[in-house]
Structures are given as C-alpha cells and as structure tokens.
Amino acid sequence: MEPYKIFIVEDDPWYGEILEYHLSLNEDYVITRFTTGKECLANLHKKPDLITVDFSLPDYTGDKLYEKIRQTDDSIPVVAISGQEDISVAVNMLKMGVTDYLVKDENTKDMLWNAVIRIRKMGNLKKEVEQLREELGNKFSFDKSIKGQSPALQKIFALMEKATKTNINVSITGETGTGKEVVSKAIHYNSERKRKPFVAVNMAAIPKELVESELFGHEKGAFTGAVARKAGKFEEANGGTIFLDEIAELDLNLQSKILRVLQEREVIRVGGNEKVKLDIRLIVATHKNLPDEVKKGNFREDLYYRIIGLPIELPPLRDRGNDVLILAKHFLDDFAKDNKLGHISISSEAKQKMMGYHFPGNIRELKAIIELASVMCADGEIKPDDITFNSTKSDEVFTMEQKTLRQYTCDIIKYYLRKYDDDVMLVADKLDIGKSTIYKMLQQKEIVLG
C-alpha cells in the first residue's frame, strides 16, 4: 500500500507534536509538520493526500490559507482545526469546502484520527470510481464498442469524432436494434465529460404519470408515496451526459417542460421551488422520423430544433456488408467465452446464409441468432441448419434489398414453402403459379426444401 502523506500546519509546537505522534501510530502515514501557512504552500508540489490547518496561524487565517491551497490544488482534502467554538466560523469554513472542522479540546486527536480514516476511505473510493470510468472509457473506444469496417460505418465514426470535440447536442436516428445507445455511450466516454455520469433514460419504458418525477425529481410530500426528496435524471447527469432514448414517445405537455429545462439550463423538482442549475450534454435517439412527427403535430417544432444538434443516422445492418460476419464472430466469441463453450467457428455455408438475410431486427437480432446457433451447433462449428431466422417482419424480406426479379421470386417461394410445410401443390395454388416452376427451381437447387 502506498504511504498516505499528511501535512500538519500548526504554529503551536507542543500541540503539533501531539497530533504528529498520534497519527504516526499508523505506519502507513507519512507526517510532515509546518508552523506557517507559507511553508505549507511552498511544499504543495509534494502532493499531500490530506492537510490539517490550524485556523489561527501567524501569517494566515485558516480560511485564507484554505483559499490558497484550493487555488493550487482543489482536490486535496483539508481539515480545519481551531480553538474557536464560534459556530459561524465552522459553518463558513464548511461552506467554503473544507472536508471537516474540529474544535481543539481533549478529544481532538481521536476525532482527527477518525476523520483521516474516513477521508482516506472516501479518497480510495473516488480513485476506484475514476479507475472504473477510465476502464469504461477504454471499453467504449470506437473500435472496441462498435464492430465493423464498412464504408457506412466509417461515416458514422467520422460524425462521432466530431461530436466528441464539443458539447453540441446529438440526435441519433435509425431502425430498432442498430446500436443507438452504444453510439451515445461511445460519444460520452470519448469526450471531456467521460469522468462524469452517463445517464440513460428510455422514455417509452416509463409510465406516463411518472415521467415528470423521473426526469425532474420531486420533493418530499410532492405526491402520495413521495416520502423523501428524490433527484431526477437530469440532476443525476449534472456535469455529464443525459441520453433520452425514444424521445418521440414524450407527450406534448412534457415536451414543453423539457424545452424549458434545455433553454434555462435548470430544473425544478416536482412539488418544489428551488432551481437546480444544470451542466449537461444532451443526446437523444428515436427510430421515428422526427420531421414527420412535427408535421403530424406529435412533436413540438421548437423542441425539435433545440435537440437536433448534430444528427447521426445509423445504417441498418443489411447496408453494412461484411460487418455482419465481423459482428457475428464478435458475438460468438463473447458468448462462447462467457459460457465456457470452447472455440466455435462458423462454416462458410452458414456465413453465406447469414449474408443472404435482411436482418429486420438489425444487430440485436444478429446477436440472438448467433447465441442460439452456438448452443445448437455440434462439433464446434455452426452450420446452416443451426441458424434460425425468426423475423417478425416477413413482409420486409422482399423490400429491403436490391435483387433481381428471379431472386425475389425465389425468396417469395421459399417463404411460402416454409409457411406451408413444403407443400408444393398448396404453394403453387396460393401464388397462382405452375407447380412445374417450383419443381424446376428445386431441381436447379435455387430452392431447397426443409
């Protein structure tokens, strides 16, 4: 464990020795004692972990010395120790930001001992949080969090790079399952706000009557069940980023309230009057076309222009070419590792089958398909029969890809054969085509039964 460096600033040599001796009982503590504020300030480059400051020094009062320390390094915790029992002095010092205020008496050394333990624990926790945020930032670097090399994805990376350099609002659009939240996190954790909170809110998942309280918070007694003050999501995100997913699901009344929050950069909790100042970065997402929603009267035009910022439209998976296979391998490797399945590969035939599919559920659907296939496969290899497409959007199969008429015909026949248990006669009747057409395609292996 690294030594914990403590500065004691005390002009009374006898009292300073008592504090130094008492704290030195912990071998992890390295104590340095000064008799003036000037000596302390001259040694701040040694980066102490904690400073105790006597309020009445020959060259500085405690509050003036604390201001000087804070100007040099505002991260150092300071404990003020004073012979004054005047409560106004203590309140003023605590308001200024000192970590603790102790009055000199027979219990001071024990109170200081406990204060140092508490402050050290707080510092260790803060370091752990910073380390976790750093690791999270590495996890959400563009290349690690968003897999793929397609030209369509490279355009998205370029826009994300621009978004990280400023605090401009970002609006992300795209079909369900294209990775809107992953992109929003990558922007946050690669920006200057990465050490501050990232708060994600799915507007479609919150009951309508609770949305206002969830977003803006509430005061105790604001409504039945409000037994204590609660900070809202905007408050929780202060200093960082708030991500409002499915923003188009907000009703018009709440849209006006969010507009006011964004304009004023402050929020008032439900049932309260106190204004809480906000410093946030806003990222919104929706699978709907917001300009169309504005035209229909479902979305406020003024809010639309407030949130649009830098628009990023995520491409559907079907437009990302070989990214399908890159993502498939990524999901397969992760699932196999997490479930101790050993090495699993994907056969070339299985890859061809995936590349011929339209993935209406996009990346989310691909992940589910690969995880199921890894469970169903044998001998460590995923084959075509292990891949099951369970699209709920069958009608989109024939409209989302550029194919020849012959290919569309094959797709339609294959779909109907699956639907009617390979009954060629019934399918020919349903499609009003000759059964010989289907048999010929079977013979030429353009269609395979089962």
Protein backbone atom coordinates (compact mmCIF):
# COMPACT_ATOMS: atom_id res chain seq x y z
CA MET A 1 0.00 0.00 0.00
CA GLU A 2 1.32 3.46 -0.87
CA PRO A 3 2.17 5.75 2.08
CA TYR A 4 -0.51 8.30 2.93
CA LYS A 5 1.06 11.78 3.08
CA ILE A 6 -0.37 14.16 5.69
CA PHE A 7 0.65 17.81 6.19
CA ILE A 8 0.03 19.28 9.67
CA VAL A 9 0.04 23.09 9.76
CA GLU A 10 0.18 24.14 13.43
CA ASP A 11 2.09 27.09 14.96
CA ASP A 12 1.98 25.63 18.49
CA PRO A 13 4.98 23.21 18.54
CA TRP A 14 3.69 21.27 21.54
CA TYR A 15 0.21 20.73 20.05
CA GLY A 16 1.66 19.95 16.62
CA GLU A 17 3.88 17.24 18.17
CA ILE A 18 0.86 15.68 19.86
CA LEU A 19 -1.05 15.44 16.58
CA GLU A 20 2.01 14.15 14.70
CA TYR A 21 2.75 11.49 17.34
CA HIS A 22 -0.85 10.32 17.45
CA LEU A 23 -1.19 10.00 13.65
CA SER A 24 2.26 8.36 13.37
CA LEU A 25 0.90 5.35 15.24
CA ASN A 26 -0.36 4.27 11.82
CA GLU A 27 2.77 3.16 9.94
CA ASP A 28 1.12 3.94 6.59
CA TYR A 29 1.00 7.66 7.42
CA VAL A 30 3.92 9.91 6.49
CA ILE A 31 3.60 13.12 8.53
CA THR A 32 5.18 16.47 7.63
CA ARG A 33 4.70 19.36 10.07
CA PHE A 34 4.82 23.10 9.31
CA THR A 35 4.42 26.10 11.62
CA THR A 36 3.33 28.63 8.95
CA GLY A 37 0.95 28.65 6.01
CA LYS A 38 3.75 29.91 3.76
CA GLU A 39 5.81 26.74 4.43
CA CYS A 40 2.80 24.58 3.62
CA LEU A 41 2.12 26.36 0.33
CA ALA A 42 5.78 26.06 -0.68
CA ASN A 43 5.55 22.26 -0.35
CA LEU A 44 2.26 21.56 -2.12
CA HIS A 45 4.23 20.23 -5.09
CA LYS A 46 4.85 17.12 -2.95
CA LYS A 47 1.16 16.25 -3.44
CA PRO A 48 -0.07 15.55 0.09
CA ASP A 49 -3.13 13.32 0.46
CA LEU A 50 -4.51 15.40 3.35
CA ILE A 51 -3.79 18.71 5.10
CA THR A 52 -4.78 19.75 8.64
CA VAL A 53 -4.85 23.53 9.08
CA ASP A 54 -4.85 25.49 12.34
CA PHE A 55 -7.29 28.36 11.99
CA SER A 56 -5.04 30.96 13.69
CA LEU A 57 -1.58 30.97 12.12
CA PRO A 58 0.93 33.81 12.34
CA ASP A 59 0.76 34.55 8.60
CA TYR A 60 -2.68 33.24 7.52
CA THR A 61 -6.11 32.67 8.95
CA GLY A 62 -7.48 29.21 8.23
CA ASP A 63 -9.95 30.42 5.61
CA LYS A 64 -7.30 32.43 3.72
CA LEU A 65 -4.86 29.51 3.74
CA TYR A 66 -7.59 27.17 2.54
CA GLU A 67 -8.31 29.52 -0.39
CA LYS A 68 -4.62 29.44 -1.34
CA ILE A 69 -4.48 25.66 -1.14
CA ARG A 70 -7.62 25.35 -3.26
CA GLN A 71 -6.18 27.69 -5.90
CA THR A 72 -3.16 25.41 -6.23
CA ASP A 73 -4.93 22.03 -5.99
CA ASP A 74 -8.63 21.84 -5.17
CA SER A 75 -8.54 18.03 -4.92
CA ILE A 76 -6.64 17.95 -1.60
CA PRO A 77 -8.97 17.36 1.39
CA VAL A 78 -8.43 19.87 4.20
CA VAL A 79 -9.38 19.53 7.88
CA ALA A 80 -9.58 22.82 9.78
CA ILE A 81 -8.63 22.71 13.49
CA SER A 82 -9.46 25.72 15.64
CA GLY A 83 -9.56 26.84 19.24
CA GLN A 84 -12.66 28.87 18.38
CA GLU A 85 -16.02 27.35 19.21
CA ASP A 86 -17.85 30.05 17.26
CA ILE A 87 -20.36 28.09 15.14
CA SER A 88 -20.37 30.77 12.45
CA VAL A 89 -16.65 30.18 11.81
CA ALA A 90 -17.22 26.45 11.40
CA VAL A 91 -20.22 26.97 9.11
CA ASN A 92 -18.27 29.41 6.96
CA MET A 93 -15.33 27.02 6.58
CA LEU A 94 -17.59 24.09 5.72
CA LYS A 95 -19.41 26.25 3.15
CA MET A 96 -16.06 27.08 1.60
CA GLY A 97 -15.45 23.37 1.11
CA VAL A 98 -13.22 22.09 3.91
CA THR A 99 -13.74 18.38 4.44
CA ASP A 100 -14.11 18.67 8.23
CA TYR A 101 -13.90 21.21 11.06
CA LEU A 102 -12.61 20.22 14.53
CA VAL A 103 -12.52 22.27 17.73
CA LYS A 104 -9.38 21.94 19.89
CA ASP A 105 -10.12 20.02 23.09
CA GLU A 106 -9.09 16.78 24.80
CA ASN A 107 -10.87 14.71 22.12
CA THR A 108 -9.35 16.41 19.07
CA LYS A 109 -6.64 13.84 18.42
CA ASP A 110 -9.15 10.97 18.41
CA MET A 111 -11.59 12.93 16.25
CA LEU A 112 -8.76 13.69 13.81
CA TRP A 113 -7.77 10.00 13.75
CA ASN A 114 -11.33 9.04 12.75
CA ALA A 115 -11.57 11.90 10.27
CA VAL A 116 -8.38 10.76 8.49
CA ILE A 117 -9.70 7.18 8.25
CA ARG A 118 -12.99 8.43 6.81
CA ILE A 119 -11.33 10.82 4.35
CA ARG A 120 -8.89 8.13 3.22
CA LYS A 121 -11.74 5.72 2.54
CA MET A 122 -13.54 8.42 0.57
CA GLY A 123 -10.36 9.06 -1.43
CA ASN A 124 -9.88 5.36 -2.17
CA LEU A 125 -13.50 5.08 -3.30
CA LYS A 126 -13.07 8.11 -5.54
CA LYS A 127 -9.94 6.57 -7.09
CA GLU A 128 -11.82 3.31 -7.70
CA VAL A 129 -14.65 5.20 -9.39
CA GLU A 130 -12.14 7.11 -11.55
CA GLN A 131 -10.42 3.83 -12.49
CA LEU A 132 -13.74 2.21 -13.38
CA ARG A 133 -14.68 5.21 -15.52
CA GLU A 134 -11.31 5.02 -17.24
CA GLU A 135 -11.83 1.32 -17.95
CA LEU A 136 -15.33 2.05 -19.15
CA GLY A 137 -13.95 4.73 -21.45
CA ASN A 138 -11.49 2.21 -22.91
CA LYS A 139 -14.31 -0.28 -23.35
CA PHE A 140 -16.29 2.29 -25.31
CA SER A 141 -13.50 3.40 -27.61
CA PHE A 142 -14.92 3.45 -31.11
CA ASP A 143 -13.11 0.36 -32.39
CA LYS A 144 -13.88 -1.73 -29.29
CA SER A 145 -17.53 -0.84 -28.76
CA ILE A 146 -18.66 -0.63 -32.39
CA LYS A 147 -17.53 -3.50 -34.59
CA GLY A 148 -17.25 -3.19 -38.34
CA GLN A 149 -15.26 -1.80 -41.25
CA SER A 150 -17.93 -0.92 -43.81
CA PRO A 151 -17.91 2.49 -45.55
CA ALA A 152 -21.32 3.20 -43.98
CA LEU A 153 -19.85 2.69 -40.51
CA GLN A 154 -16.75 4.76 -41.26
CA LYS A 155 -19.04 7.74 -41.98
CA ILE A 156 -20.63 7.24 -38.55
CA PHE A 157 -17.20 7.15 -36.89
CA ALA A 158 -16.33 10.48 -38.56
CA LEU A 159 -19.50 12.10 -37.17
CA MET A 160 -18.92 10.62 -33.72
CA GLU A 161 -15.40 12.02 -33.73
CA LYS A 162 -16.79 15.48 -34.40
CA ALA A 163 -19.35 15.03 -31.61
CA THR A 164 -16.67 14.24 -29.02
CA LYS A 165 -14.83 17.51 -29.59
CA THR A 166 -17.68 19.80 -28.49
CA ASN A 167 -20.76 19.81 -26.27
CA ILE A 168 -23.20 20.05 -29.17
CA ASN A 169 -26.46 18.13 -28.73
CA VAL A 170 -26.58 14.89 -30.71
CA SER A 171 -29.67 13.27 -32.23
CA ILE A 172 -29.32 9.63 -33.24
CA THR A 173 -31.83 8.01 -35.57
CA GLY A 174 -32.05 4.56 -37.05
CA GLU A 175 -34.07 1.39 -37.02
CA THR A 176 -34.58 -0.55 -33.81
CA GLY A 177 -31.52 -2.62 -32.93
CA THR A 178 -28.92 -0.55 -34.81
CA GLY A 179 -27.00 0.37 -31.65
CA LYS A 180 -28.14 3.88 -30.75
CA GLU A 181 -27.30 3.58 -27.03
CA VAL A 182 -23.88 2.07 -27.77
CA VAL A 183 -23.09 5.04 -30.02
CA SER A 184 -24.28 7.51 -27.37
CA LYS A 185 -22.05 5.88 -24.73
CA ALA A 186 -19.07 5.89 -27.09
CA ILE A 187 -19.54 9.62 -27.67
CA HIS A 188 -19.76 10.32 -23.92
CA TYR A 189 -16.79 8.16 -22.89
CA ASN A 190 -14.58 9.67 -25.58
CA SER A 191 -15.47 13.26 -24.69
CA GLU A 192 -14.21 15.62 -21.98
CA ARG A 193 -17.21 14.57 -19.86
CA LYS A 194 -16.09 10.93 -19.64
CA ARG A 195 -15.33 11.17 -15.91
CA LYS A 196 -18.82 12.44 -15.18
CA PRO A 197 -22.11 10.47 -15.17
CA PHE A 198 -23.76 8.96 -18.22
CA VAL A 199 -27.48 8.62 -17.51
CA ALA A 200 -29.67 6.72 -19.98
CA VAL A 201 -33.46 7.06 -19.91
CA ASN A 202 -35.83 5.07 -22.13
CA MET A 203 -38.83 7.36 -22.46
CA ALA A 204 -41.04 4.55 -23.77
CA ALA A 205 -40.39 2.41 -20.68
CA ILE A 206 -41.57 4.91 -18.05
CA PRO A 207 -45.30 5.08 -17.19
CA LYS A 208 -46.72 8.41 -18.36
CA GLU A 209 -47.70 9.54 -14.87
CA LEU A 210 -44.14 9.01 -13.56
CA VAL A 211 -42.14 10.61 -16.37
CA GLU A 212 -42.03 14.10 -14.87
CA SER A 213 -40.86 12.84 -11.47
CA GLU A 214 -38.26 10.55 -13.07
CA LEU A 215 -36.79 13.30 -15.21
CA PHE A 216 -37.00 16.29 -12.88
CA GLY A 217 -37.10 14.67 -9.41
CA HIS A 218 -39.51 15.51 -6.61
CA GLU A 219 -39.62 16.98 -3.12
CA LYS A 220 -40.81 15.12 -0.04
CA GLY A 221 -44.61 15.14 0.07
CA ALA A 222 -44.99 16.27 -3.55
CA PHE A 223 -47.47 13.43 -4.09
CA THR A 224 -48.67 10.25 -2.40
CA GLY A 225 -45.69 7.99 -1.90
CA ALA A 226 -43.07 10.78 -2.10
CA VAL A 227 -41.61 10.02 1.33
CA ALA A 228 -38.29 11.74 0.63
CA ARG A 229 -36.64 14.14 -1.78
CA LYS A 230 -35.51 12.41 -4.96
CA ALA A 231 -33.13 13.77 -7.59
CA GLY A 232 -34.32 13.38 -11.17
CA LYS A 233 -32.36 12.00 -14.12
CA PHE A 234 -31.35 15.47 -15.28
CA GLU A 235 -29.89 16.19 -11.83
CA GLU A 236 -28.12 12.82 -11.74
CA ALA A 237 -26.49 13.60 -15.08
CA ASN A 238 -25.17 17.00 -13.95
CA GLY A 239 -21.69 17.54 -15.31
CA GLY A 240 -22.07 14.59 -17.68
CA THR A 241 -24.42 13.33 -20.37
CA ILE A 242 -28.12 12.50 -20.35
CA PHE A 243 -29.32 10.12 -23.09
CA LEU A 244 -33.04 10.28 -23.81
CA ASP A 245 -33.93 7.23 -25.88
CA GLU A 246 -37.23 7.09 -27.79
CA ILE A 247 -37.65 10.86 -27.36
CA ALA A 248 -40.59 10.85 -29.79
CA GLU A 249 -42.71 8.98 -27.22
CA LEU A 250 -42.98 12.04 -24.95
CA ASP A 251 -46.40 13.67 -24.83
CA LEU A 252 -46.68 17.34 -25.82
CA ASN A 253 -47.07 18.63 -22.26
CA LEU A 254 -43.79 17.08 -21.14
CA GLN A 255 -42.11 18.19 -24.35
CA SER A 256 -42.78 21.81 -23.35
CA LYS A 257 -41.29 21.21 -19.89
CA ILE A 258 -38.16 19.60 -21.32
CA LEU A 259 -37.84 22.54 -23.72
CA ARG A 260 -37.85 24.92 -20.76
CA VAL A 261 -35.20 22.87 -18.94
CA LEU A 262 -32.95 22.91 -22.01
CA GLN A 263 -33.46 26.63 -22.57
CA GLU A 264 -32.93 27.70 -18.95
CA ARG A 265 -30.34 25.04 -18.11
CA GLU A 266 -32.07 24.49 -14.80
CA VAL A 267 -34.65 22.15 -13.34
CA ILE A 268 -37.26 22.49 -10.59
CA ARG A 269 -38.22 19.32 -8.76
CA VAL A 270 -41.90 18.37 -8.70
CA GLY A 271 -43.50 20.00 -5.67
CA GLY A 272 -40.61 22.39 -5.10
CA ASN A 273 -39.42 25.89 -5.91
CA GLU A 274 -35.64 25.55 -5.76
CA LYS A 275 -33.90 25.91 -9.12
CA VAL A 276 -31.13 23.39 -9.70
CA LYS A 277 -28.56 24.63 -12.23
CA LEU A 278 -27.61 22.10 -14.90
CA ASP A 279 -24.44 21.48 -16.87
CA ILE A 280 -25.34 18.58 -19.16
CA ARG A 281 -24.68 17.23 -22.61
CA LEU A 282 -27.88 16.03 -24.31
CA ILE A 283 -28.06 13.04 -26.64
CA VAL A 284 -31.44 11.87 -27.93
CA ALA A 285 -32.46 8.91 -30.04
CA THR A 286 -35.54 7.66 -31.85
CA HIS A 287 -36.48 5.14 -34.52
CA LYS A 288 -39.17 7.53 -35.77
CA ASN A 289 -38.81 10.28 -38.35
CA LEU A 290 -38.95 13.42 -36.20
CA PRO A 291 -39.68 15.88 -39.06
CA ASP A 292 -42.70 13.72 -39.95
CA GLU A 293 -43.76 13.71 -36.29
CA VAL A 294 -43.52 17.50 -36.28
CA LYS A 295 -45.73 17.73 -39.38
CA LYS A 296 -48.28 15.42 -37.78
CA GLY A 297 -48.39 17.63 -34.69
CA ASN A 298 -46.97 14.89 -32.45
CA PHE A 299 -43.70 16.68 -31.71
CA ARG A 300 -43.01 20.34 -30.95
CA GLU A 301 -41.14 22.10 -33.71
CA ASP A 302 -39.24 24.35 -31.26
CA LEU A 303 -38.08 21.32 -29.26
CA TYR A 304 -37.04 19.58 -32.47
CA TYR A 305 -34.74 22.45 -33.40
CA ARG A 306 -33.40 22.59 -29.85
CA ILE A 307 -32.38 18.89 -29.75
CA ILE A 308 -31.42 18.20 -33.37
CA GLY A 309 -27.82 19.38 -32.89
CA LEU A 310 -25.53 17.01 -34.77
CA PRO A 311 -27.73 14.37 -36.47
CA ILE A 312 -26.35 10.84 -36.81
CA GLU A 313 -28.40 8.31 -38.78
CA LEU A 314 -27.26 4.76 -38.11
CA PRO A 315 -27.34 2.43 -41.11
CA PRO A 316 -29.33 -0.81 -40.90
CA LEU A 317 -27.26 -3.97 -40.70
CA ARG A 318 -28.31 -5.02 -44.22
CA ASP A 319 -26.43 -1.98 -45.59
CA ARG A 320 -23.17 -2.80 -43.80
CA GLY A 321 -21.94 -5.68 -45.95
CA ASN A 322 -19.30 -7.87 -44.30
CA ASP A 323 -19.87 -6.17 -40.96
CA VAL A 324 -22.45 -8.93 -40.46
CA LEU A 325 -19.65 -11.51 -40.25
CA ILE A 326 -17.41 -9.30 -38.11
CA LEU A 327 -20.23 -8.77 -35.62
CA ALA A 328 -21.20 -12.45 -35.76
CA LYS A 329 -17.68 -13.52 -34.78
CA HIS A 330 -17.60 -10.92 -32.01
CA PHE A 331 -20.89 -12.12 -30.52
CA LEU A 332 -19.88 -15.76 -30.94
CA ASP A 333 -16.52 -15.32 -29.21
CA ASP A 334 -18.10 -13.41 -26.30
CA PHE A 335 -20.91 -15.93 -25.81
CA ALA A 336 -18.58 -18.93 -26.04
CA LYS A 337 -16.20 -17.38 -23.51
CA ASP A 338 -18.94 -16.38 -21.06
CA ASN A 339 -20.49 -19.86 -21.22
CA LYS A 340 -17.25 -21.88 -21.37
CA LEU A 341 -18.18 -23.48 -24.70
CA GLY A 342 -14.67 -23.60 -26.09
CA HIS A 343 -13.76 -22.47 -29.58
CA ILE A 344 -16.64 -22.32 -32.07
CA SER A 345 -16.31 -21.41 -35.73
CA ILE A 346 -18.84 -20.56 -38.43
CA SER A 347 -18.88 -22.64 -41.62
CA SER A 348 -18.68 -20.89 -44.98
CA GLU A 349 -22.19 -22.15 -45.82
CA ALA A 350 -23.54 -20.65 -42.60
CA LYS A 351 -21.83 -17.36 -43.43
CA GLN A 352 -23.47 -17.38 -46.86
CA LYS A 353 -26.85 -17.98 -45.25
CA MET A 354 -26.38 -15.01 -42.93
CA MET A 355 -25.18 -12.74 -45.72
CA GLY A 356 -28.36 -13.53 -47.66
CA TYR A 357 -30.63 -12.47 -44.82
CA HIS A 358 -32.05 -8.96 -44.37
CA PHE A 359 -31.94 -8.74 -40.51
CA PRO A 360 -35.01 -6.58 -39.85
CA GLY A 361 -34.04 -6.65 -36.14
CA ASN A 362 -30.54 -5.48 -37.04
CA ILE A 363 -27.63 -6.01 -34.62
CA ARG A 364 -29.87 -7.10 -31.75
CA GLU A 365 -31.38 -9.83 -33.94
CA LEU A 366 -27.96 -10.99 -35.17
CA LYS A 367 -26.75 -11.36 -31.58
CA ALA A 368 -29.76 -13.50 -30.66
CA ILE A 369 -29.33 -15.66 -33.78
CA ILE A 370 -25.64 -16.27 -33.10
CA GLU A 371 -26.16 -17.12 -29.43
CA LEU A 372 -28.85 -19.66 -30.31
CA ALA A 373 -26.71 -21.13 -33.08
CA SER A 374 -23.76 -21.55 -30.71
CA VAL A 375 -25.98 -23.57 -28.38
CA MET A 376 -27.48 -25.70 -31.17
CA CYS A 377 -24.28 -26.47 -33.09
CA ALA A 378 -22.23 -29.68 -32.79
CA ASP A 379 -18.51 -30.37 -33.14
CA GLY A 380 -17.59 -26.74 -32.54
CA GLU A 381 -18.88 -25.44 -35.85
CA ILE A 382 -22.04 -23.52 -36.72
CA LYS A 383 -23.67 -24.91 -39.85
CA PRO A 384 -26.61 -23.52 -41.87
CA ASP A 385 -29.15 -25.70 -40.06
CA ASP A 386 -28.03 -24.19 -36.73
CA ILE A 387 -29.04 -20.72 -37.86
CA THR A 388 -32.70 -19.92 -37.32
CA PHE A 389 -34.28 -16.73 -38.60
CA ASN A 390 -37.31 -15.75 -36.57
CA SER A 391 -38.15 -12.46 -38.22
CA THR A 392 -41.47 -10.93 -37.22
CA LYS A 393 -41.29 -8.75 -40.31
CA SER A 394 -41.64 -11.29 -43.08
CA ASP A 395 -43.19 -8.79 -45.42
CA GLU A 396 -39.97 -6.76 -45.33
CA VAL A 397 -37.90 -9.62 -46.76
CA PHE A 398 -38.90 -8.60 -50.26
CA THR A 399 -38.47 -4.84 -50.00
CA MET A 400 -35.22 -4.18 -48.18
CA GLU A 401 -32.59 -5.49 -50.59
CA GLN A 402 -31.75 -4.80 -54.20
CA LYS A 403 -32.24 -8.12 -56.01
CA THR A 404 -33.22 -9.39 -59.42
CA LEU A 405 -36.80 -10.40 -60.12
CA ARG A 406 -35.66 -14.04 -60.21
CA GLN A 407 -34.11 -13.70 -56.73
CA TYR A 408 -37.26 -12.08 -55.37
CA THR A 409 -39.31 -14.90 -56.88
CA CYS A 410 -37.09 -17.45 -55.12
CA ASP A 411 -37.44 -15.59 -51.82
CA ILE A 412 -41.22 -15.48 -52.11
CA ILE A 413 -41.49 -19.16 -52.95
CA LYS A 414 -39.09 -20.14 -50.15
CA TYR A 415 -41.10 -18.08 -47.68
CA TYR A 416 -44.38 -19.74 -48.69
CA LEU A 417 -42.82 -23.22 -48.68
CA ARG A 418 -41.66 -22.66 -45.08
CA LYS A 419 -45.06 -21.27 -44.17
CA TYR A 420 -46.97 -24.25 -45.64
CA ASP A 421 -44.60 -27.09 -44.65
CA ASP A 422 -43.06 -27.59 -48.12
CA ASP A 423 -46.45 -28.38 -49.69
CA VAL A 424 -45.57 -27.56 -53.33
CA MET A 425 -49.13 -28.01 -54.63
CA LEU A 426 -50.60 -25.68 -51.99
CA VAL A 427 -47.88 -23.02 -52.55
CA ALA A 428 -48.40 -23.13 -56.32
CA ASP A 429 -52.11 -22.60 -55.73
CA LYS A 430 -51.54 -19.77 -53.25
CA LEU A 431 -49.14 -17.95 -55.58
CA ASP A 432 -51.11 -18.77 -58.72
CA ILE A 433 -48.08 -20.23 -60.49
CA GLY A 434 -47.46 -23.60 -62.11
CA LYS A 435 -46.09 -26.30 -59.85
CA SER A 436 -43.53 -27.02 -62.57
CA THR A 437 -41.94 -23.63 -61.87
CA ILE A 438 -41.32 -24.65 -58.28
CA TYR A 439 -40.10 -28.13 -59.22
CA LYS A 440 -37.68 -26.65 -61.74
CA MET A 441 -36.24 -24.33 -59.08
CA LEU A 442 -35.90 -27.31 -56.74
CA GLN A 443 -34.14 -29.31 -59.44
CA GLN A 444 -31.72 -26.46 -60.11
CA LYS A 445 -31.17 -26.09 -56.34
CA GLU A 446 -32.33 -22.48 -56.32
CA ILE A 447 -34.73 -23.63 -53.62
CA VAL A 448 -34.08 -26.35 -51.05
CA LEU A 449 -36.92 -27.96 -49.13
CA GLY A 450 -36.74 -28.14 -45.36
